[in-house]
Amino acid sequence: MAKAGLLFIGTKDGVVQFSNPGAVGRWLRVGHELRGQAIVAVWARPDDPLAVVACGAAGIWRSTDGGAAWVEVSGAPSLAAPGGSALVALAGNEPVLLLGGAVGAWRSADNGASWEAGEPDAPWSGTVRVIAPAPYHIDTTFAGTSGGQLYQSTDRGRTWQLLKDGLPPVLAISAARLV
């Protein structure tokens, strides 16, 4: 089977798709879906690139055919937040998606088909703007808010512990461990 690279680009006007047939470095535009939707985060499953999730202020959409057709996820969290949201995948036998936005942090263990709210031990202050997995532990991740909070989850986003409050708005996080 010939190798091909795929790119899914979130824009103010939907998802633009590119393919690199034969992996020769020639990226061709192959689609433009969800027009009229501002897409602030997009994820394609690494071991099955036909499974794609796109997130926008107006909702969350899933594709099971590589982005040719999209279905809006019912009951998905609202992401309406100035500046967008954060979407990351935690590696593992089954990836877990973590999504931050105006309503806290959410998780999906089924490629974005359903979402559950992460439970913080203190109320979220502001929008969850950044989520950063710890490269040294598969279950650990950190989240930062526009309200200056730093949280940690050690159970793949099910619960969140407030580590620090009173910081300036958190814009980026990188975790490392000394050996």
N, C-alpha and C. Protein backbone atom coordinates (compact mmCIF):
# COMPACT_ATOMS: atom_id res chain seq x y z
N MET A 1 0.85 -1.18 0.00
CA MET A 1 0.00 0.00 0.00
C MET A 1 0.89 1.24 0.00
N ALA A 2 0.56 2.20 -0.80
CA ALA A 2 1.32 3.44 -0.89
C ALA A 2 1.09 4.28 0.36
N LYS A 3 2.16 4.92 0.81
CA LYS A 3 2.05 5.81 1.96
C LYS A 3 1.47 7.14 1.50
N ALA A 4 0.69 7.76 2.40
CA ALA A 4 0.16 9.10 2.13
C ALA A 4 0.07 9.83 3.45
N GLY A 5 0.48 11.08 3.47
CA GLY A 5 0.31 11.91 4.64
C GLY A 5 -1.00 12.65 4.55
N LEU A 6 -1.62 12.90 5.68
CA LEU A 6 -2.87 13.66 5.74
C LEU A 6 -2.70 14.81 6.71
N LEU A 7 -3.23 15.97 6.36
CA LEU A 7 -3.28 17.12 7.25
C LEU A 7 -4.72 17.61 7.34
N PHE A 8 -5.15 17.89 8.55
CA PHE A 8 -6.47 18.48 8.80
C PHE A 8 -6.20 19.82 9.46
N ILE A 9 -6.58 20.93 8.81
CA ILE A 9 -6.26 22.27 9.27
C ILE A 9 -7.54 22.97 9.72
N GLY A 10 -7.59 23.34 11.00
CA GLY A 10 -8.73 24.10 11.51
C GLY A 10 -8.58 25.57 11.14
N THR A 11 -9.62 26.15 10.56
CA THR A 11 -9.59 27.55 10.14
C THR A 11 -10.84 28.26 10.65
N LYS A 12 -10.93 29.55 10.38
CA LYS A 12 -12.13 30.31 10.72
C LYS A 12 -13.30 29.90 9.84
N ASP A 13 -13.02 29.14 8.79
CA ASP A 13 -14.06 28.69 7.87
C ASP A 13 -13.97 27.18 7.66
N GLY A 14 -13.99 26.41 8.73
CA GLY A 14 -14.05 24.96 8.63
C GLY A 14 -12.71 24.26 8.66
N VAL A 15 -12.72 23.02 8.17
CA VAL A 15 -11.53 22.17 8.14
C VAL A 15 -11.07 22.04 6.69
N VAL A 16 -9.82 22.42 6.45
CA VAL A 16 -9.22 22.25 5.13
C VAL A 16 -8.33 21.02 5.22
N GLN A 17 -8.44 20.14 4.22
CA GLN A 17 -7.71 18.88 4.23
C GLN A 17 -6.69 18.83 3.09
N PHE A 18 -5.51 18.29 3.44
CA PHE A 18 -4.44 18.11 2.47
C PHE A 18 -3.98 16.66 2.52
N SER A 19 -3.49 16.17 1.37
CA SER A 19 -2.92 14.83 1.28
C SER A 19 -1.57 14.93 0.58
N ASN A 20 -0.66 14.06 1.00
CA ASN A 20 0.66 13.95 0.41
C ASN A 20 0.77 12.54 -0.18
N PRO A 21 0.18 12.31 -1.35
CA PRO A 21 0.17 10.95 -1.90
C PRO A 21 1.58 10.45 -2.19
N GLY A 22 1.81 9.23 -1.75
CA GLY A 22 3.11 8.62 -1.96
C GLY A 22 4.19 9.19 -1.07
N ALA A 23 3.84 10.07 -0.14
CA ALA A 23 4.78 10.69 0.79
C ALA A 23 5.98 11.30 0.06
N VAL A 24 5.69 12.03 -1.03
CA VAL A 24 6.77 12.62 -1.83
C VAL A 24 6.93 14.12 -1.56
N GLY A 25 6.19 14.68 -0.60
CA GLY A 25 6.35 16.09 -0.27
C GLY A 25 5.52 17.03 -1.12
N ARG A 26 4.56 16.51 -1.82
CA ARG A 26 3.68 17.34 -2.65
C ARG A 26 2.29 17.34 -2.03
N TRP A 27 2.01 18.34 -1.21
CA TRP A 27 0.75 18.42 -0.49
C TRP A 27 -0.34 19.00 -1.39
N LEU A 28 -1.40 18.23 -1.55
CA LEU A 28 -2.52 18.63 -2.39
C LEU A 28 -3.76 18.87 -1.53
N ARG A 29 -4.45 19.96 -1.83
CA ARG A 29 -5.70 20.23 -1.13
C ARG A 29 -6.75 19.25 -1.64
N VAL A 30 -7.37 18.50 -0.70
CA VAL A 30 -8.32 17.47 -1.11
C VAL A 30 -9.72 17.68 -0.53
N GLY A 31 -9.89 18.69 0.32
CA GLY A 31 -11.22 18.91 0.87
C GLY A 31 -11.31 20.16 1.70
N HIS A 32 -12.54 20.61 1.90
CA HIS A 32 -12.84 21.77 2.76
C HIS A 32 -14.25 21.54 3.29
N GLU A 33 -14.32 21.07 4.52
CA GLU A 33 -15.61 20.73 5.12
C GLU A 33 -15.90 21.64 6.31
N LEU A 34 -17.10 21.56 6.82
CA LEU A 34 -17.58 22.34 7.96
C LEU A 34 -17.46 23.84 7.72
N ARG A 35 -17.68 24.23 6.48
CA ARG A 35 -17.62 25.66 6.13
C ARG A 35 -18.59 26.45 7.00
N GLY A 36 -18.15 27.64 7.36
CA GLY A 36 -18.96 28.50 8.21
C GLY A 36 -18.71 28.28 9.69
N GLN A 37 -17.94 27.28 10.05
CA GLN A 37 -17.62 27.00 11.45
C GLN A 37 -16.17 27.37 11.72
N ALA A 38 -15.91 28.09 12.80
CA ALA A 38 -14.54 28.37 13.22
C ALA A 38 -14.03 27.16 13.99
N ILE A 39 -13.06 26.47 13.44
CA ILE A 39 -12.52 25.24 14.05
C ILE A 39 -11.23 25.61 14.78
N VAL A 40 -11.24 25.47 16.11
CA VAL A 40 -10.11 25.88 16.93
C VAL A 40 -9.20 24.73 17.33
N ALA A 41 -9.64 23.49 17.13
CA ALA A 41 -8.83 22.33 17.46
C ALA A 41 -9.25 21.16 16.59
N VAL A 42 -8.27 20.36 16.16
CA VAL A 42 -8.57 19.19 15.34
C VAL A 42 -7.59 18.08 15.71
N TRP A 43 -8.07 16.83 15.69
CA TRP A 43 -7.26 15.66 16.06
C TRP A 43 -7.62 14.51 15.13
N ALA A 44 -6.58 13.86 14.61
CA ALA A 44 -6.76 12.62 13.84
C ALA A 44 -6.08 11.50 14.62
N ARG A 45 -6.76 10.39 14.76
CA ARG A 45 -6.21 9.26 15.50
C ARG A 45 -4.98 8.73 14.76
N PRO A 46 -3.82 8.62 15.43
CA PRO A 46 -2.58 8.23 14.76
C PRO A 46 -2.63 6.85 14.10
N ASP A 47 -3.30 5.89 14.76
CA ASP A 47 -3.32 4.53 14.21
C ASP A 47 -4.55 4.28 13.33
N ASP A 48 -5.42 5.26 13.20
CA ASP A 48 -6.59 5.16 12.32
C ASP A 48 -6.97 6.57 11.88
N PRO A 49 -6.28 7.13 10.86
CA PRO A 49 -6.52 8.52 10.48
C PRO A 49 -7.89 8.76 9.85
N LEU A 50 -8.71 7.73 9.74
CA LEU A 50 -10.08 7.95 9.30
C LEU A 50 -10.93 8.53 10.43
N ALA A 51 -10.47 8.35 11.69
CA ALA A 51 -11.16 8.88 12.86
C ALA A 51 -10.61 10.26 13.16
N VAL A 52 -11.44 11.30 12.97
CA VAL A 52 -11.02 12.69 13.13
C VAL A 52 -12.05 13.42 13.99
N VAL A 53 -11.58 14.31 14.86
CA VAL A 53 -12.45 15.13 15.70
C VAL A 53 -12.09 16.59 15.42
N ALA A 54 -13.11 17.43 15.24
CA ALA A 54 -12.93 18.87 15.04
C ALA A 54 -13.76 19.60 16.07
N CYS A 55 -13.16 20.60 16.73
CA CYS A 55 -13.83 21.34 17.79
C CYS A 55 -13.92 22.82 17.43
N GLY A 56 -15.07 23.38 17.69
CA GLY A 56 -15.27 24.81 17.46
C GLY A 56 -16.18 25.38 18.53
N ALA A 57 -16.31 26.69 18.54
CA ALA A 57 -17.16 27.35 19.53
C ALA A 57 -18.61 26.89 19.42
N ALA A 58 -19.03 26.49 18.22
CA ALA A 58 -20.43 26.09 18.00
C ALA A 58 -20.66 24.59 18.21
N GLY A 59 -19.61 23.80 18.48
CA GLY A 59 -19.82 22.39 18.70
C GLY A 59 -18.59 21.55 18.41
N ILE A 60 -18.80 20.23 18.48
CA ILE A 60 -17.77 19.24 18.19
C ILE A 60 -18.30 18.32 17.12
N TRP A 61 -17.46 18.00 16.13
CA TRP A 61 -17.84 17.12 15.04
C TRP A 61 -16.87 15.96 14.94
N ARG A 62 -17.37 14.82 14.46
CA ARG A 62 -16.56 13.63 14.26
C ARG A 62 -16.68 13.17 12.83
N SER A 63 -15.60 12.59 12.35
CA SER A 63 -15.61 11.95 11.04
C SER A 63 -15.03 10.56 11.22
N THR A 64 -15.62 9.59 10.55
CA THR A 64 -15.09 8.22 10.58
C THR A 64 -14.60 7.81 9.20
N ASP A 65 -14.55 8.78 8.28
CA ASP A 65 -14.11 8.47 6.91
C ASP A 65 -13.01 9.43 6.43
N GLY A 66 -12.17 9.87 7.36
CA GLY A 66 -11.06 10.73 6.98
C GLY A 66 -11.44 12.16 6.65
N GLY A 67 -12.58 12.62 7.10
CA GLY A 67 -12.99 14.00 6.89
C GLY A 67 -13.90 14.25 5.72
N ALA A 68 -14.34 13.21 5.02
CA ALA A 68 -15.26 13.41 3.90
C ALA A 68 -16.65 13.80 4.40
N ALA A 69 -17.10 13.18 5.50
CA ALA A 69 -18.41 13.48 6.08
C ALA A 69 -18.22 13.69 7.58
N TRP A 70 -19.00 14.61 8.14
CA TRP A 70 -18.89 14.96 9.55
C TRP A 70 -20.26 14.88 10.21
N VAL A 71 -20.28 14.46 11.50
CA VAL A 71 -21.50 14.39 12.29
C VAL A 71 -21.25 15.18 13.57
N GLU A 72 -22.19 16.07 13.90
CA GLU A 72 -22.05 16.83 15.14
C GLU A 72 -22.30 15.91 16.33
N VAL A 73 -21.48 16.03 17.36
CA VAL A 73 -21.61 15.21 18.56
C VAL A 73 -22.66 15.85 19.46
N SER A 74 -23.73 15.10 19.74
CA SER A 74 -24.78 15.63 20.61
C SER A 74 -24.31 15.55 22.06
N GLY A 75 -24.68 16.54 22.85
CA GLY A 75 -24.31 16.57 24.25
C GLY A 75 -22.86 16.95 24.50
N ALA A 76 -22.17 17.45 23.48
CA ALA A 76 -20.76 17.84 23.63
C ALA A 76 -20.67 19.14 24.40
N PRO A 77 -19.54 19.38 25.08
CA PRO A 77 -19.39 20.62 25.83
C PRO A 77 -19.33 21.84 24.92
N SER A 78 -19.77 22.96 25.43
CA SER A 78 -19.67 24.22 24.71
C SER A 78 -18.26 24.77 24.89
N LEU A 79 -17.67 25.22 23.80
CA LEU A 79 -16.31 25.74 23.86
C LEU A 79 -16.27 27.24 23.65
N ALA A 80 -17.42 27.88 23.66
CA ALA A 80 -17.47 29.31 23.38
C ALA A 80 -16.56 30.05 24.35
N ALA A 81 -15.38 30.40 23.88
CA ALA A 81 -14.40 31.11 24.70
C ALA A 81 -13.54 31.95 23.81
N PRO A 82 -13.31 33.20 24.19
CA PRO A 82 -12.39 34.00 23.39
C PRO A 82 -11.02 33.36 23.39
N GLY A 83 -10.39 33.28 22.24
CA GLY A 83 -9.05 32.73 22.16
C GLY A 83 -9.00 31.24 21.93
N GLY A 84 -10.13 30.57 21.85
CA GLY A 84 -10.11 29.17 21.51
C GLY A 84 -10.06 28.24 22.69
N SER A 85 -9.60 27.02 22.43
CA SER A 85 -9.58 25.99 23.44
C SER A 85 -8.35 25.12 23.22
N ALA A 86 -8.17 24.17 24.12
CA ALA A 86 -7.05 23.24 24.05
C ALA A 86 -7.58 21.84 23.79
N LEU A 87 -6.93 21.10 22.90
CA LEU A 87 -7.29 19.71 22.64
C LEU A 87 -6.00 18.93 22.55
N VAL A 88 -5.86 17.88 23.37
CA VAL A 88 -4.70 17.00 23.31
C VAL A 88 -5.17 15.56 23.43
N ALA A 89 -4.31 14.67 23.01
CA ALA A 89 -4.58 13.24 23.14
C ALA A 89 -3.52 12.63 24.04
N LEU A 90 -3.98 11.83 25.01
CA LEU A 90 -3.06 11.07 25.84
C LEU A 90 -2.86 9.72 25.18
N ALA A 91 -1.61 9.33 25.00
CA ALA A 91 -1.29 8.08 24.34
C ALA A 91 -1.72 6.90 25.20
N GLY A 92 -1.73 5.75 24.60
CA GLY A 92 -2.08 4.51 25.27
C GLY A 92 -2.71 3.56 24.29
N ASN A 93 -3.08 2.38 24.76
CA ASN A 93 -3.74 1.42 23.87
C ASN A 93 -4.98 2.04 23.25
N GLU A 94 -5.71 2.80 24.03
CA GLU A 94 -6.85 3.58 23.54
C GLU A 94 -6.60 5.02 23.94
N PRO A 95 -6.39 5.93 22.98
CA PRO A 95 -6.12 7.32 23.33
C PRO A 95 -7.30 7.95 24.07
N VAL A 96 -6.99 8.87 24.95
CA VAL A 96 -7.99 9.66 25.64
C VAL A 96 -7.82 11.09 25.17
N LEU A 97 -8.90 11.71 24.72
CA LEU A 97 -8.87 13.11 24.31
C LEU A 97 -9.22 13.98 25.51
N LEU A 98 -8.44 15.04 25.70
CA LEU A 98 -8.72 16.02 26.74
C LEU A 98 -8.96 17.34 26.05
N LEU A 99 -10.03 18.02 26.45
CA LEU A 99 -10.46 19.24 25.81
C LEU A 99 -10.71 20.30 26.87
N GLY A 100 -10.10 21.46 26.69
CA GLY A 100 -10.31 22.57 27.61
C GLY A 100 -11.05 23.68 26.91
N GLY A 101 -11.82 24.42 27.66
CA GLY A 101 -12.56 25.55 27.10
C GLY A 101 -13.16 26.39 28.19
N ALA A 102 -14.21 27.12 27.85
CA ALA A 102 -14.85 28.04 28.78
C ALA A 102 -15.52 27.32 29.94
N VAL A 103 -15.77 26.03 29.79
CA VAL A 103 -16.52 25.30 30.82
C VAL A 103 -15.65 24.28 31.54
N GLY A 104 -14.33 24.45 31.55
CA GLY A 104 -13.45 23.54 32.25
C GLY A 104 -12.78 22.56 31.32
N ALA A 105 -12.44 21.39 31.86
CA ALA A 105 -11.76 20.34 31.09
C ALA A 105 -12.69 19.15 30.94
N TRP A 106 -12.71 18.58 29.74
CA TRP A 106 -13.56 17.45 29.41
C TRP A 106 -12.69 16.33 28.86
N ARG A 107 -13.20 15.09 28.91
CA ARG A 107 -12.45 13.95 28.40
C ARG A 107 -13.36 13.05 27.57
N SER A 108 -12.73 12.40 26.59
CA SER A 108 -13.43 11.42 25.77
C SER A 108 -12.52 10.21 25.60
N ALA A 109 -13.04 9.04 25.90
CA ALA A 109 -12.28 7.81 25.75
C ALA A 109 -12.77 7.00 24.54
N ASP A 110 -13.61 7.63 23.69
CA ASP A 110 -14.17 6.91 22.54
C ASP A 110 -14.07 7.73 21.25
N ASN A 111 -12.89 8.30 21.02
CA ASN A 111 -12.62 9.08 19.81
C ASN A 111 -13.59 10.26 19.62
N GLY A 112 -14.03 10.86 20.71
CA GLY A 112 -14.86 12.05 20.63
C GLY A 112 -16.35 11.79 20.49
N ALA A 113 -16.79 10.54 20.57
CA ALA A 113 -18.22 10.25 20.43
C ALA A 113 -19.02 10.75 21.64
N SER A 114 -18.42 10.69 22.82
CA SER A 114 -19.08 11.20 24.02
C SER A 114 -18.02 11.88 24.89
N TRP A 115 -18.49 12.80 25.73
CA TRP A 115 -17.60 13.61 26.55
C TRP A 115 -18.12 13.65 27.98
N GLU A 116 -17.20 13.62 28.95
CA GLU A 116 -17.56 13.78 30.35
C GLU A 116 -16.68 14.86 30.96
N ALA A 117 -17.27 15.63 31.87
CA ALA A 117 -16.53 16.71 32.51
C ALA A 117 -15.52 16.15 33.50
N GLY A 118 -14.31 16.69 33.47
CA GLY A 118 -13.32 16.38 34.51
C GLY A 118 -13.75 17.07 35.79
N GLU A 119 -13.50 16.43 36.92
CA GLU A 119 -13.94 16.96 38.20
C GLU A 119 -12.78 17.65 38.91
N PRO A 120 -12.81 19.01 38.99
CA PRO A 120 -11.74 19.72 39.71
C PRO A 120 -12.01 19.74 41.21
N ASP A 121 -10.93 19.79 42.01
CA ASP A 121 -11.12 19.88 43.46
C ASP A 121 -11.38 21.33 43.91
N ALA A 122 -11.22 22.28 42.98
CA ALA A 122 -11.56 23.68 43.21
C ALA A 122 -12.14 24.21 41.90
N PRO A 123 -13.07 25.14 41.94
CA PRO A 123 -13.70 25.62 40.70
C PRO A 123 -12.68 26.21 39.73
N TRP A 124 -12.90 25.96 38.43
CA TRP A 124 -12.07 26.54 37.39
C TRP A 124 -12.25 28.05 37.41
N SER A 125 -11.17 28.79 37.22
CA SER A 125 -11.22 30.24 37.12
C SER A 125 -10.79 30.62 35.71
N GLY A 126 -11.72 31.08 34.91
CA GLY A 126 -11.41 31.42 33.53
C GLY A 126 -11.48 30.20 32.63
N THR A 127 -10.98 30.39 31.42
CA THR A 127 -10.99 29.36 30.39
C THR A 127 -9.77 28.46 30.51
N VAL A 128 -9.96 27.14 30.34
CA VAL A 128 -8.81 26.23 30.27
C VAL A 128 -8.19 26.45 28.89
N ARG A 129 -7.02 27.09 28.86
CA ARG A 129 -6.38 27.48 27.61
C ARG A 129 -5.32 26.52 27.15
N VAL A 130 -4.73 25.76 28.06
CA VAL A 130 -3.64 24.86 27.68
C VAL A 130 -3.75 23.58 28.49
N ILE A 131 -3.53 22.46 27.81
CA ILE A 131 -3.45 21.15 28.46
C ILE A 131 -2.16 20.51 27.94
N ALA A 132 -1.31 20.05 28.86
CA ALA A 132 -0.01 19.49 28.47
C ALA A 132 0.22 18.14 29.14
N PRO A 133 0.27 17.06 28.37
CA PRO A 133 0.58 15.76 28.96
C PRO A 133 2.02 15.72 29.48
N ALA A 134 2.23 14.98 30.54
CA ALA A 134 3.57 14.77 31.06
C ALA A 134 4.20 13.63 30.25
N PRO A 135 5.35 13.86 29.62
CA PRO A 135 5.96 12.80 28.80
C PRO A 135 6.49 11.63 29.63
N TYR A 136 6.61 11.82 30.92
CA TYR A 136 7.19 10.79 31.79
C TYR A 136 6.15 9.86 32.41
N HIS A 137 4.85 10.15 32.26
CA HIS A 137 3.82 9.27 32.83
C HIS A 137 2.55 9.36 31.99
N ILE A 138 2.08 8.24 31.52
CA ILE A 138 0.97 8.17 30.57
C ILE A 138 -0.34 8.72 31.12
N ASP A 139 -0.52 8.70 32.45
CA ASP A 139 -1.78 9.13 33.05
C ASP A 139 -1.78 10.57 33.54
N THR A 140 -0.62 11.24 33.51
CA THR A 140 -0.49 12.56 34.11
C THR A 140 -0.53 13.66 33.06
N THR A 141 -1.28 14.72 33.38
CA THR A 141 -1.35 15.88 32.51
C THR A 141 -1.57 17.14 33.35
N PHE A 142 -1.26 18.28 32.78
CA PHE A 142 -1.41 19.56 33.46
C PHE A 142 -2.33 20.45 32.64
N ALA A 143 -3.04 21.36 33.32
CA ALA A 143 -3.91 22.31 32.64
C ALA A 143 -3.72 23.69 33.25
N GLY A 144 -3.78 24.71 32.39
CA GLY A 144 -3.66 26.09 32.86
C GLY A 144 -4.85 26.90 32.38
N THR A 145 -5.24 27.88 33.19
CA THR A 145 -6.42 28.68 32.87
C THR A 145 -6.06 30.14 32.63
N SER A 146 -6.98 30.83 31.97
CA SER A 146 -6.83 32.27 31.76
C SER A 146 -6.98 33.02 33.08
N GLY A 147 -7.52 32.36 34.10
CA GLY A 147 -7.67 32.95 35.43
C GLY A 147 -6.46 32.72 36.32
N GLY A 148 -5.36 32.18 35.76
CA GLY A 148 -4.13 32.02 36.52
C GLY A 148 -4.06 30.80 37.42
N GLN A 149 -4.73 29.71 37.02
CA GLN A 149 -4.68 28.48 37.81
C GLN A 149 -3.86 27.42 37.07
N LEU A 150 -3.18 26.58 37.86
CA LEU A 150 -2.46 25.43 37.34
C LEU A 150 -3.02 24.19 38.01
N TYR A 151 -3.50 23.25 37.20
CA TYR A 151 -4.08 21.99 37.70
C TYR A 151 -3.24 20.81 37.22
N GLN A 152 -3.38 19.69 37.94
CA GLN A 152 -2.77 18.43 37.54
C GLN A 152 -3.81 17.32 37.63
N SER A 153 -3.78 16.42 36.65
CA SER A 153 -4.59 15.20 36.69
C SER A 153 -3.65 14.01 36.60
N THR A 154 -3.84 13.04 37.47
CA THR A 154 -3.03 11.82 37.43
C THR A 154 -3.86 10.61 37.03
N ASP A 155 -5.09 10.85 36.57
CA ASP A 155 -5.97 9.74 36.18
C ASP A 155 -6.60 9.99 34.80
N ARG A 156 -5.79 10.50 33.87
CA ARG A 156 -6.20 10.70 32.49
C ARG A 156 -7.37 11.67 32.35
N GLY A 157 -7.40 12.72 33.19
CA GLY A 157 -8.39 13.78 33.07
C GLY A 157 -9.71 13.54 33.77
N ARG A 158 -9.85 12.46 34.53
CA ARG A 158 -11.10 12.22 35.26
C ARG A 158 -11.27 13.25 36.39
N THR A 159 -10.17 13.46 37.16
CA THR A 159 -10.19 14.44 38.25
C THR A 159 -8.99 15.36 38.10
N TRP A 160 -9.11 16.57 38.66
CA TRP A 160 -8.07 17.59 38.56
C TRP A 160 -7.80 18.17 39.94
N GLN A 161 -6.52 18.31 40.29
CA GLN A 161 -6.11 18.88 41.56
C GLN A 161 -5.47 20.25 41.29
N LEU A 162 -5.93 21.27 42.01
CA LEU A 162 -5.37 22.61 41.88
C LEU A 162 -3.99 22.62 42.52
N LEU A 163 -2.95 22.92 41.71
CA LEU A 163 -1.59 23.00 42.22
C LEU A 163 -1.24 24.41 42.66
N LYS A 164 -1.60 25.41 41.84
CA LYS A 164 -1.29 26.81 42.13
C LYS A 164 -2.41 27.70 41.64
N ASP A 165 -2.65 28.76 42.38
CA ASP A 165 -3.64 29.77 42.01
C ASP A 165 -2.95 31.12 42.11
N GLY A 166 -3.51 32.13 41.46
CA GLY A 166 -2.96 33.48 41.55
C GLY A 166 -1.83 33.75 40.58
N LEU A 167 -1.63 32.88 39.60
CA LEU A 167 -0.63 33.12 38.57
C LEU A 167 -1.20 34.10 37.54
N PRO A 168 -0.35 34.68 36.70
CA PRO A 168 -0.89 35.40 35.54
C PRO A 168 -1.59 34.37 34.63
N PRO A 169 -2.37 34.81 33.65
CA PRO A 169 -3.00 33.84 32.74
C PRO A 169 -1.97 32.86 32.17
N VAL A 170 -2.29 31.58 32.25
CA VAL A 170 -1.37 30.53 31.80
C VAL A 170 -1.55 30.32 30.30
N LEU A 171 -0.47 30.47 29.55
CA LEU A 171 -0.51 30.35 28.09
C LEU A 171 0.20 29.12 27.56
N ALA A 172 1.13 28.56 28.32
CA ALA A 172 1.88 27.39 27.84
C ALA A 172 2.40 26.61 29.03
N ILE A 173 2.53 25.30 28.85
CA ILE A 173 3.07 24.42 29.89
C ILE A 173 3.93 23.36 29.20
N SER A 174 5.06 23.05 29.79
CA SER A 174 5.88 21.92 29.34
C SER A 174 6.37 21.21 30.58
N ALA A 175 6.13 19.92 30.66
CA ALA A 175 6.52 19.12 31.82
C ALA A 175 7.77 18.31 31.49
N ALA A 176 8.66 18.19 32.46
CA ALA A 176 9.87 17.37 32.32
C ALA A 176 10.20 16.77 33.67
N ARG A 177 11.07 15.77 33.68
CA ARG A 177 11.46 15.13 34.92
C ARG A 177 12.96 14.91 34.90
N LEU A 178 13.62 15.25 36.01
CA LEU A 178 15.04 14.95 36.16
C LEU A 178 15.19 13.49 36.57
N VAL A 179 16.18 12.83 36.01
CA VAL A 179 16.39 11.42 36.33
C VAL A 179 17.56 11.29 37.26
